[in-house]
Amino acid sequence: MDLLKDDNSEVRLNVTKSLIKFSRVVGDEMMTTPFKNALTTLTKDPQWRVKMATFELIGDIGFQRILDKDQF
């Protein structure tokens, strides 16, 4: 979580891109309040690539939730 607040935008971007892959494995378990707050902050990041990766992550998490519900 600390790396999501790093001063270097490349670090934030790489962490966010890694979380996209991580979310596919962990799913809803990663949706804690601190994580949601970090995502909200990242959607306002000054670096457009970080914002784009964050929205991809949010979309991926939402899509995964839809797929999980369809399995039951």
N, C-alpha and C. Protein backbone atom coordinates (compact mmCIF):
# COMPACT_ATOMS: atom_id res chain seq x y z
N MET A 1 0.83 -1.20 0.00
CA MET A 1 0.00 0.00 0.00
C MET A 1 0.87 1.26 0.00
N ASP A 2 2.04 1.18 0.65
CA ASP A 2 2.92 2.35 0.69
C ASP A 2 3.44 2.71 -0.70
N LEU A 3 3.65 1.69 -1.54
CA LEU A 3 4.16 1.96 -2.88
C LEU A 3 3.15 2.70 -3.75
N LEU A 4 1.86 2.59 -3.42
CA LEU A 4 0.84 3.32 -4.16
C LEU A 4 0.92 4.83 -3.89
N LYS A 5 1.65 5.19 -2.85
CA LYS A 5 1.80 6.60 -2.48
C LYS A 5 3.19 7.13 -2.82
N ASP A 6 3.99 6.34 -3.52
CA ASP A 6 5.37 6.72 -3.85
C ASP A 6 5.39 7.99 -4.69
N ASP A 7 6.45 8.78 -4.53
CA ASP A 7 6.59 10.02 -5.29
C ASP A 7 6.83 9.78 -6.77
N ASN A 8 7.43 8.66 -7.10
CA ASN A 8 7.75 8.34 -8.49
C ASN A 8 6.52 7.75 -9.17
N SER A 9 6.09 8.37 -10.26
CA SER A 9 4.88 7.90 -10.96
C SER A 9 5.09 6.53 -11.59
N GLU A 10 6.31 6.20 -11.98
CA GLU A 10 6.58 4.88 -12.56
C GLU A 10 6.36 3.77 -11.52
N VAL A 11 6.70 4.04 -10.28
CA VAL A 11 6.47 3.06 -9.21
C VAL A 11 4.97 2.86 -9.03
N ARG A 12 4.22 3.96 -8.94
CA ARG A 12 2.76 3.86 -8.78
C ARG A 12 2.13 3.13 -9.96
N LEU A 13 2.61 3.41 -11.17
CA LEU A 13 2.08 2.76 -12.36
C LEU A 13 2.35 1.26 -12.33
N ASN A 14 3.56 0.87 -12.02
CA ASN A 14 3.90 -0.56 -12.00
C ASN A 14 3.16 -1.31 -10.91
N VAL A 15 2.98 -0.69 -9.76
CA VAL A 15 2.22 -1.33 -8.68
C VAL A 15 0.77 -1.51 -9.10
N THR A 16 0.19 -0.50 -9.70
CA THR A 16 -1.20 -0.58 -10.14
C THR A 16 -1.38 -1.66 -11.20
N LYS A 17 -0.46 -1.75 -12.16
CA LYS A 17 -0.54 -2.79 -13.18
C LYS A 17 -0.39 -4.18 -12.57
N SER A 18 0.43 -4.29 -11.55
CA SER A 18 0.59 -5.59 -10.86
C SER A 18 -0.68 -5.96 -10.12
N LEU A 19 -1.37 -4.97 -9.58
CA LEU A 19 -2.60 -5.22 -8.85
C LEU A 19 -3.70 -5.75 -9.77
N ILE A 20 -3.65 -5.38 -11.05
CA ILE A 20 -4.64 -5.89 -12.00
C ILE A 20 -4.54 -7.41 -12.05
N LYS A 21 -3.31 -7.92 -12.17
CA LYS A 21 -3.10 -9.37 -12.20
C LYS A 21 -3.44 -9.99 -10.85
N PHE A 22 -3.05 -9.32 -9.78
CA PHE A 22 -3.30 -9.81 -8.43
C PHE A 22 -4.79 -9.91 -8.13
N SER A 23 -5.56 -8.96 -8.64
CA SER A 23 -7.01 -8.95 -8.37
C SER A 23 -7.70 -10.16 -8.97
N ARG A 24 -7.16 -10.66 -10.09
CA ARG A 24 -7.75 -11.84 -10.73
C ARG A 24 -7.62 -13.08 -9.85
N VAL A 25 -6.58 -13.12 -9.05
CA VAL A 25 -6.34 -14.27 -8.18
C VAL A 25 -7.08 -14.11 -6.86
N VAL A 26 -6.98 -12.94 -6.25
CA VAL A 26 -7.52 -12.71 -4.91
C VAL A 26 -8.99 -12.35 -4.93
N GLY A 27 -9.42 -11.58 -5.91
CA GLY A 27 -10.83 -11.20 -6.02
C GLY A 27 -11.29 -10.26 -4.92
N ASP A 28 -12.45 -10.55 -4.35
CA ASP A 28 -13.07 -9.67 -3.35
C ASP A 28 -12.26 -9.51 -2.08
N GLU A 29 -11.38 -10.42 -1.81
CA GLU A 29 -10.60 -10.35 -0.57
C GLU A 29 -9.72 -9.11 -0.50
N MET A 30 -9.39 -8.53 -1.65
CA MET A 30 -8.53 -7.35 -1.64
C MET A 30 -9.32 -6.05 -1.51
N MET A 31 -10.64 -6.13 -1.47
CA MET A 31 -11.46 -4.93 -1.42
C MET A 31 -11.68 -4.45 0.02
N THR A 32 -10.60 -4.14 0.68
CA THR A 32 -10.66 -3.60 2.03
C THR A 32 -10.80 -2.08 1.95
N THR A 33 -11.17 -1.46 3.05
CA THR A 33 -11.34 -0.01 3.07
C THR A 33 -10.06 0.73 2.70
N PRO A 34 -8.89 0.36 3.26
CA PRO A 34 -7.67 1.07 2.84
C PRO A 34 -7.38 0.94 1.35
N PHE A 35 -7.68 -0.23 0.79
CA PHE A 35 -7.44 -0.43 -0.64
C PHE A 35 -8.40 0.42 -1.46
N LYS A 36 -9.65 0.49 -1.06
CA LYS A 36 -10.63 1.32 -1.76
C LYS A 36 -10.22 2.80 -1.70
N ASN A 37 -9.74 3.23 -0.55
CA ASN A 37 -9.29 4.61 -0.40
C ASN A 37 -8.08 4.89 -1.30
N ALA A 38 -7.17 3.93 -1.39
CA ALA A 38 -5.99 4.09 -2.25
C ALA A 38 -6.42 4.19 -3.72
N LEU A 39 -7.39 3.38 -4.12
CA LEU A 39 -7.88 3.46 -5.50
C LEU A 39 -8.51 4.81 -5.79
N THR A 40 -9.27 5.31 -4.84
CA THR A 40 -9.90 6.62 -5.01
C THR A 40 -8.84 7.70 -5.20
N THR A 41 -7.79 7.62 -4.41
CA THR A 41 -6.70 8.59 -4.53
C THR A 41 -6.00 8.46 -5.88
N LEU A 42 -5.77 7.23 -6.33
CA LEU A 42 -5.08 7.02 -7.59
C LEU A 42 -5.89 7.48 -8.80
N THR A 43 -7.21 7.54 -8.68
CA THR A 43 -8.02 8.04 -9.80
C THR A 43 -7.81 9.55 -10.01
N LYS A 44 -7.21 10.19 -9.03
CA LYS A 44 -6.93 11.63 -9.12
C LYS A 44 -5.44 11.91 -9.30
N ASP A 45 -4.66 10.88 -9.62
CA ASP A 45 -3.22 11.01 -9.78
C ASP A 45 -2.90 11.99 -10.91
N PRO A 46 -1.86 12.80 -10.76
CA PRO A 46 -1.51 13.75 -11.81
C PRO A 46 -1.00 13.07 -13.10
N GLN A 47 -0.47 11.88 -12.99
CA GLN A 47 0.06 11.15 -14.15
C GLN A 47 -1.07 10.37 -14.81
N TRP A 48 -1.35 10.68 -16.07
CA TRP A 48 -2.50 10.07 -16.76
C TRP A 48 -2.37 8.56 -16.88
N ARG A 49 -1.14 8.04 -17.00
CA ARG A 49 -0.97 6.60 -17.14
C ARG A 49 -1.34 5.87 -15.85
N VAL A 50 -1.09 6.51 -14.70
CA VAL A 50 -1.47 5.92 -13.43
C VAL A 50 -3.00 5.90 -13.31
N LYS A 51 -3.63 6.99 -13.72
CA LYS A 51 -5.10 7.04 -13.70
C LYS A 51 -5.69 5.97 -14.61
N MET A 52 -5.14 5.83 -15.81
CA MET A 52 -5.66 4.85 -16.74
C MET A 52 -5.51 3.43 -16.18
N ALA A 53 -4.37 3.10 -15.60
CA ALA A 53 -4.15 1.78 -15.02
C ALA A 53 -5.10 1.55 -13.85
N THR A 54 -5.38 2.60 -13.09
CA THR A 54 -6.30 2.48 -11.95
C THR A 54 -7.71 2.17 -12.44
N PHE A 55 -8.16 2.85 -13.48
CA PHE A 55 -9.49 2.57 -14.01
C PHE A 55 -9.57 1.19 -14.64
N GLU A 56 -8.47 0.73 -15.24
CA GLU A 56 -8.44 -0.65 -15.75
C GLU A 56 -8.57 -1.64 -14.59
N LEU A 57 -7.90 -1.35 -13.48
CA LEU A 57 -7.98 -2.21 -12.30
C LEU A 57 -9.40 -2.24 -11.76
N ILE A 58 -10.03 -1.08 -11.66
CA ILE A 58 -11.40 -1.01 -11.16
C ILE A 58 -12.34 -1.79 -12.08
N GLY A 59 -12.16 -1.62 -13.38
CA GLY A 59 -12.98 -2.36 -14.34
C GLY A 59 -12.75 -3.86 -14.25
N ASP A 60 -11.50 -4.26 -14.07
CA ASP A 60 -11.18 -5.68 -13.97
C ASP A 60 -11.80 -6.29 -12.71
N ILE A 61 -11.75 -5.56 -11.62
CA ILE A 61 -12.36 -6.05 -10.37
C ILE A 61 -13.87 -6.19 -10.55
N GLY A 62 -14.50 -5.18 -11.17
CA GLY A 62 -15.94 -5.25 -11.40
C GLY A 62 -16.32 -6.39 -12.32
N PHE A 63 -15.55 -6.60 -13.37
CA PHE A 63 -15.82 -7.68 -14.31
C PHE A 63 -15.66 -9.03 -13.62
N GLN A 64 -14.64 -9.15 -12.77
CA GLN A 64 -14.42 -10.40 -12.04
C GLN A 64 -15.59 -10.70 -11.11
N ARG A 65 -16.14 -9.66 -10.48
CA ARG A 65 -17.29 -9.85 -9.59
C ARG A 65 -18.50 -10.34 -10.36
N ILE A 66 -18.69 -9.83 -11.57
CA ILE A 66 -19.81 -10.26 -12.41
C ILE A 66 -19.64 -11.74 -12.78
N LEU A 67 -18.43 -12.11 -13.18
CA LEU A 67 -18.18 -13.50 -13.54
C LEU A 67 -18.37 -14.43 -12.36
N ASP A 68 -17.93 -14.01 -11.18
CA ASP A 68 -18.08 -14.85 -9.99
C ASP A 68 -19.55 -15.07 -9.66
N LYS A 69 -20.38 -14.05 -9.84
CA LYS A 69 -21.80 -14.18 -9.55
C LYS A 69 -22.48 -15.11 -10.54
N ASP A 70 -22.02 -15.09 -11.78
CA ASP A 70 -22.61 -15.95 -12.81
C ASP A 70 -22.30 -17.41 -12.59
N GLN A 71 -21.28 -17.72 -11.83
CA GLN A 71 -20.89 -19.09 -11.61
C GLN A 71 -21.81 -19.79 -10.63
N PHE A 72 -22.57 -19.03 -9.88
CA PHE A 72 -23.43 -19.65 -8.86
C PHE A 72 -24.86 -19.73 -9.29
